[in-house]
Amino acid sequence: MDKKKVPFRKTVFVCVNTRPDGARVACGNPGRGGLELCEALKHAVKEKGLKGKVRVAKSGCLDLCEQGPNAFVYPGDEWYSGVTPQDTAAIVAKLAD
């Protein structure tokens, strides 16, 4: 095993979990926006010149589905709920700091 330094300053985990049975809402289900949010954040990170510094990664369930779509920034203590693609500019601006 090779131990290496983390290659990114920050990682944004975006829930894209789906639940096909419909028993409980999920961030990635159609109409919920999780996948669209993830793609919008990836695009915004690239446009802001942060590619290679900030990683946007798809996540499984973050367990706050009813408040979603959900995303969190690591390292840090930033958690976002009810996020829409229109919120990406504000999130990415904070990532650039």
N, C-alpha and C. Protein backbone atom coordinates (compact mmCIF):
# COMPACT_ATOMS: atom_id res chain seq x y z
N MET A 1 0.85 -1.17 0.00
CA MET A 1 0.00 0.00 0.00
C MET A 1 0.89 1.24 0.00
N ASP A 2 0.53 2.19 -0.86
CA ASP A 2 1.22 3.47 -0.90
C ASP A 2 0.37 4.51 -0.19
N LYS A 3 0.95 5.20 0.76
CA LYS A 3 0.26 6.28 1.45
C LYS A 3 0.63 7.58 0.75
N LYS A 4 -0.39 8.33 0.33
CA LYS A 4 -0.16 9.57 -0.40
C LYS A 4 -0.97 10.70 0.20
N LYS A 5 -0.56 11.89 -0.11
CA LYS A 5 -1.28 13.08 0.30
C LYS A 5 -2.59 13.16 -0.49
N VAL A 6 -3.64 13.66 0.12
CA VAL A 6 -4.92 13.83 -0.56
C VAL A 6 -4.71 14.79 -1.74
N PRO A 7 -5.12 14.40 -2.94
CA PRO A 7 -4.82 15.21 -4.13
C PRO A 7 -5.71 16.43 -4.31
N PHE A 8 -6.76 16.58 -3.51
CA PHE A 8 -7.66 17.71 -3.66
C PHE A 8 -7.74 18.49 -2.35
N ARG A 9 -7.91 19.81 -2.47
CA ARG A 9 -8.08 20.65 -1.28
C ARG A 9 -9.41 20.33 -0.60
N LYS A 10 -10.46 20.14 -1.42
CA LYS A 10 -11.79 19.85 -0.89
C LYS A 10 -12.50 18.88 -1.82
N THR A 11 -13.41 18.14 -1.23
CA THR A 11 -14.28 17.25 -2.00
C THR A 11 -15.72 17.58 -1.62
N VAL A 12 -16.56 17.71 -2.63
CA VAL A 12 -17.99 17.93 -2.41
C VAL A 12 -18.69 16.62 -2.73
N PHE A 13 -19.32 16.05 -1.74
CA PHE A 13 -20.08 14.82 -1.92
C PHE A 13 -21.55 15.18 -2.13
N VAL A 14 -22.11 14.72 -3.23
CA VAL A 14 -23.50 15.02 -3.58
C VAL A 14 -24.29 13.72 -3.62
N CYS A 15 -25.37 13.66 -2.86
CA CYS A 15 -26.18 12.46 -2.83
C CYS A 15 -26.92 12.30 -4.16
N VAL A 16 -26.73 11.14 -4.77
CA VAL A 16 -27.46 10.78 -5.99
C VAL A 16 -28.18 9.45 -5.78
N ASN A 17 -28.39 9.09 -4.51
CA ASN A 17 -29.05 7.83 -4.18
C ASN A 17 -30.47 7.78 -4.75
N THR A 18 -30.86 6.61 -5.24
CA THR A 18 -32.23 6.42 -5.72
C THR A 18 -32.90 5.30 -4.94
N ARG A 19 -34.20 5.39 -4.87
CA ARG A 19 -35.02 4.34 -4.25
C ARG A 19 -36.16 4.04 -5.22
N PRO A 20 -36.01 3.00 -6.00
CA PRO A 20 -37.03 2.71 -7.01
C PRO A 20 -38.39 2.30 -6.44
N ASP A 21 -38.43 1.81 -5.21
CA ASP A 21 -39.70 1.36 -4.65
C ASP A 21 -40.61 2.51 -4.22
N GLY A 22 -40.07 3.72 -4.10
CA GLY A 22 -40.86 4.88 -3.74
C GLY A 22 -41.33 4.91 -2.30
N ALA A 23 -40.85 4.00 -1.47
CA ALA A 23 -41.26 3.97 -0.07
C ALA A 23 -40.77 5.20 0.69
N ARG A 24 -39.68 5.76 0.24
CA ARG A 24 -39.10 6.96 0.86
C ARG A 24 -38.46 7.78 -0.24
N VAL A 25 -38.55 9.10 -0.16
CA VAL A 25 -37.93 9.95 -1.16
C VAL A 25 -36.41 9.75 -1.15
N ALA A 26 -35.78 10.06 -2.25
CA ALA A 26 -34.33 9.97 -2.35
C ALA A 26 -33.83 11.11 -3.22
N CYS A 27 -32.65 11.62 -2.91
CA CYS A 27 -32.09 12.78 -3.61
C CYS A 27 -31.92 12.55 -5.11
N GLY A 28 -31.65 11.31 -5.51
CA GLY A 28 -31.40 11.03 -6.92
C GLY A 28 -32.60 10.56 -7.70
N ASN A 29 -33.75 10.43 -7.07
CA ASN A 29 -34.94 10.00 -7.80
C ASN A 29 -35.38 11.08 -8.79
N PRO A 30 -36.06 10.70 -9.87
CA PRO A 30 -36.52 11.69 -10.85
C PRO A 30 -37.32 12.81 -10.19
N GLY A 31 -36.98 14.03 -10.57
CA GLY A 31 -37.66 15.19 -10.04
C GLY A 31 -37.08 15.73 -8.73
N ARG A 32 -36.14 15.01 -8.13
CA ARG A 32 -35.53 15.45 -6.86
C ARG A 32 -34.29 16.30 -7.09
N GLY A 33 -33.55 16.07 -8.17
CA GLY A 33 -32.46 16.96 -8.54
C GLY A 33 -31.05 16.61 -8.11
N GLY A 34 -30.85 15.49 -7.45
CA GLY A 34 -29.50 15.15 -6.98
C GLY A 34 -28.49 15.01 -8.10
N LEU A 35 -28.83 14.27 -9.13
CA LEU A 35 -27.90 14.07 -10.24
C LEU A 35 -27.65 15.37 -10.99
N GLU A 36 -28.70 16.15 -11.20
CA GLU A 36 -28.55 17.45 -11.88
C GLU A 36 -27.66 18.38 -11.06
N LEU A 37 -27.82 18.35 -9.76
CA LEU A 37 -26.98 19.17 -8.88
C LEU A 37 -25.52 18.76 -9.00
N CYS A 38 -25.27 17.47 -8.98
CA CYS A 38 -23.89 16.97 -9.09
C CYS A 38 -23.25 17.44 -10.39
N GLU A 39 -23.97 17.31 -11.50
CA GLU A 39 -23.44 17.73 -12.79
C GLU A 39 -23.23 19.25 -12.85
N ALA A 40 -24.15 20.00 -12.27
CA ALA A 40 -24.00 21.46 -12.25
C ALA A 40 -22.78 21.88 -11.43
N LEU A 41 -22.55 21.22 -10.31
CA LEU A 41 -21.38 21.53 -9.49
C LEU A 41 -20.09 21.19 -10.22
N LYS A 42 -20.06 20.04 -10.89
CA LYS A 42 -18.86 19.66 -11.66
C LYS A 42 -18.56 20.71 -12.72
N HIS A 43 -19.59 21.14 -13.42
CA HIS A 43 -19.41 22.15 -14.47
C HIS A 43 -18.92 23.48 -13.86
N ALA A 44 -19.52 23.90 -12.76
CA ALA A 44 -19.14 25.17 -12.13
C ALA A 44 -17.71 25.14 -11.59
N VAL A 45 -17.30 24.00 -11.03
CA VAL A 45 -15.92 23.85 -10.54
C VAL A 45 -14.93 24.00 -11.69
N LYS A 46 -15.25 23.38 -12.81
CA LYS A 46 -14.38 23.46 -13.99
C LYS A 46 -14.34 24.90 -14.52
N GLU A 47 -15.50 25.54 -14.61
CA GLU A 47 -15.57 26.91 -15.13
C GLU A 47 -14.82 27.90 -14.24
N LYS A 48 -14.81 27.64 -12.94
CA LYS A 48 -14.14 28.54 -11.98
C LYS A 48 -12.63 28.27 -11.92
N GLY A 49 -12.15 27.27 -12.67
CA GLY A 49 -10.73 26.96 -12.67
C GLY A 49 -10.27 26.17 -11.46
N LEU A 50 -11.19 25.47 -10.83
CA LEU A 50 -10.85 24.71 -9.62
C LEU A 50 -10.66 23.22 -9.88
N LYS A 51 -10.78 22.81 -11.13
CA LYS A 51 -10.58 21.39 -11.44
C LYS A 51 -9.15 21.01 -11.04
N GLY A 52 -9.03 19.88 -10.35
CA GLY A 52 -7.74 19.44 -9.84
C GLY A 52 -7.50 19.90 -8.40
N LYS A 53 -8.30 20.88 -7.95
CA LYS A 53 -8.20 21.37 -6.58
C LYS A 53 -9.42 20.96 -5.77
N VAL A 54 -10.57 20.96 -6.45
CA VAL A 54 -11.84 20.59 -5.82
C VAL A 54 -12.43 19.43 -6.61
N ARG A 55 -12.85 18.42 -5.91
CA ARG A 55 -13.46 17.23 -6.53
C ARG A 55 -14.93 17.19 -6.16
N VAL A 56 -15.78 17.00 -7.15
CA VAL A 56 -17.21 16.79 -6.91
C VAL A 56 -17.45 15.31 -7.15
N ALA A 57 -17.97 14.64 -6.13
CA ALA A 57 -18.15 13.19 -6.19
C ALA A 57 -19.60 12.81 -5.87
N LYS A 58 -20.08 11.82 -6.60
CA LYS A 58 -21.41 11.27 -6.32
C LYS A 58 -21.33 10.49 -5.01
N SER A 59 -22.39 10.60 -4.23
CA SER A 59 -22.45 9.92 -2.95
C SER A 59 -23.71 9.07 -2.89
N GLY A 60 -23.64 8.05 -2.07
CA GLY A 60 -24.85 7.31 -1.73
C GLY A 60 -25.64 8.10 -0.72
N CYS A 61 -26.59 7.46 -0.10
CA CYS A 61 -27.52 8.12 0.83
C CYS A 61 -26.77 8.82 1.96
N LEU A 62 -27.18 10.06 2.22
CA LEU A 62 -26.63 10.84 3.33
C LEU A 62 -27.64 10.92 4.48
N ASP A 63 -28.75 10.24 4.33
CA ASP A 63 -29.75 10.02 5.38
C ASP A 63 -30.57 11.23 5.80
N LEU A 64 -30.61 12.26 4.98
CA LEU A 64 -31.51 13.39 5.21
C LEU A 64 -32.34 13.62 3.95
N CYS A 65 -32.82 12.53 3.39
CA CYS A 65 -33.47 12.53 2.08
C CYS A 65 -34.62 13.53 1.97
N GLU A 66 -35.42 13.63 3.00
CA GLU A 66 -36.57 14.52 2.95
C GLU A 66 -36.16 15.99 2.83
N GLN A 67 -34.94 16.31 3.19
CA GLN A 67 -34.44 17.68 3.11
C GLN A 67 -33.64 17.93 1.84
N GLY A 68 -33.45 16.92 1.02
CA GLY A 68 -32.54 16.96 -0.12
C GLY A 68 -33.03 17.73 -1.31
N PRO A 69 -32.18 17.77 -2.30
CA PRO A 69 -30.89 17.12 -2.42
C PRO A 69 -29.88 17.66 -1.41
N ASN A 70 -29.00 16.78 -0.99
CA ASN A 70 -28.01 17.08 0.03
C ASN A 70 -26.59 16.99 -0.53
N ALA A 71 -25.72 17.82 0.02
CA ALA A 71 -24.30 17.79 -0.34
C ALA A 71 -23.51 18.24 0.88
N PHE A 72 -22.28 17.76 0.99
CA PHE A 72 -21.41 18.26 2.05
C PHE A 72 -19.99 18.38 1.52
N VAL A 73 -19.26 19.28 2.16
CA VAL A 73 -17.88 19.58 1.77
C VAL A 73 -16.93 18.97 2.79
N TYR A 74 -15.93 18.28 2.28
CA TYR A 74 -14.91 17.68 3.14
C TYR A 74 -13.55 18.14 2.67
N PRO A 75 -12.61 18.53 3.49
CA PRO A 75 -12.81 18.76 4.92
C PRO A 75 -13.59 20.04 5.14
N GLY A 76 -14.18 20.12 6.28
CA GLY A 76 -14.96 21.30 6.63
C GLY A 76 -16.23 20.89 7.34
N ASP A 77 -17.02 21.88 7.65
CA ASP A 77 -18.26 21.61 8.36
C ASP A 77 -19.44 22.21 7.61
N GLU A 78 -19.39 22.14 6.28
CA GLU A 78 -20.45 22.72 5.47
C GLU A 78 -21.36 21.63 4.94
N TRP A 79 -22.65 21.71 5.28
CA TRP A 79 -23.66 20.77 4.82
C TRP A 79 -24.75 21.59 4.15
N TYR A 80 -25.16 21.15 2.98
CA TYR A 80 -26.19 21.86 2.23
C TYR A 80 -27.37 20.94 1.99
N SER A 81 -28.57 21.43 2.26
CA SER A 81 -29.80 20.68 2.02
C SER A 81 -30.74 21.52 1.17
N GLY A 82 -31.58 20.85 0.41
CA GLY A 82 -32.53 21.55 -0.45
C GLY A 82 -31.84 22.35 -1.53
N VAL A 83 -30.71 21.84 -1.99
CA VAL A 83 -29.88 22.56 -2.96
C VAL A 83 -30.44 22.38 -4.37
N THR A 84 -30.38 23.45 -5.13
CA THR A 84 -30.77 23.42 -6.54
C THR A 84 -29.56 23.79 -7.39
N PRO A 85 -29.61 23.48 -8.68
CA PRO A 85 -28.48 23.89 -9.55
C PRO A 85 -28.22 25.40 -9.51
N GLN A 86 -29.24 26.20 -9.19
CA GLN A 86 -29.05 27.65 -9.10
C GLN A 86 -28.18 28.04 -7.90
N ASP A 87 -28.03 27.16 -6.95
CA ASP A 87 -27.20 27.42 -5.77
C ASP A 87 -25.72 27.14 -6.01
N THR A 88 -25.38 26.56 -7.15
CA THR A 88 -24.00 26.11 -7.36
C THR A 88 -23.00 27.26 -7.35
N ALA A 89 -23.35 28.40 -7.89
CA ALA A 89 -22.40 29.52 -7.94
C ALA A 89 -21.99 29.93 -6.52
N ALA A 90 -22.96 29.99 -5.60
CA ALA A 90 -22.64 30.37 -4.22
C ALA A 90 -21.77 29.32 -3.54
N ILE A 91 -22.06 28.05 -3.80
CA ILE A 91 -21.26 26.97 -3.19
C ILE A 91 -19.84 27.00 -3.73
N VAL A 92 -19.70 27.12 -5.04
CA VAL A 92 -18.37 27.11 -5.65
C VAL A 92 -17.57 28.35 -5.25
N ALA A 93 -18.23 29.47 -5.07
CA ALA A 93 -17.53 30.67 -4.61
C ALA A 93 -16.89 30.43 -3.24
N LYS A 94 -17.60 29.71 -2.36
CA LYS A 94 -17.03 29.39 -1.04
C LYS A 94 -15.88 28.40 -1.17
N LEU A 95 -15.94 27.52 -2.16
CA LEU A 95 -14.87 26.53 -2.36
C LEU A 95 -13.59 27.20 -2.84
N ALA A 96 -13.72 28.30 -3.52
CA ALA A 96 -12.56 29.01 -4.07
C ALA A 96 -11.77 29.73 -2.99
N ASP A 97 -12.39 29.96 -1.84
CA ASP A 97 -11.70 30.67 -0.74
C ASP A 97 -10.52 29.89 -0.23
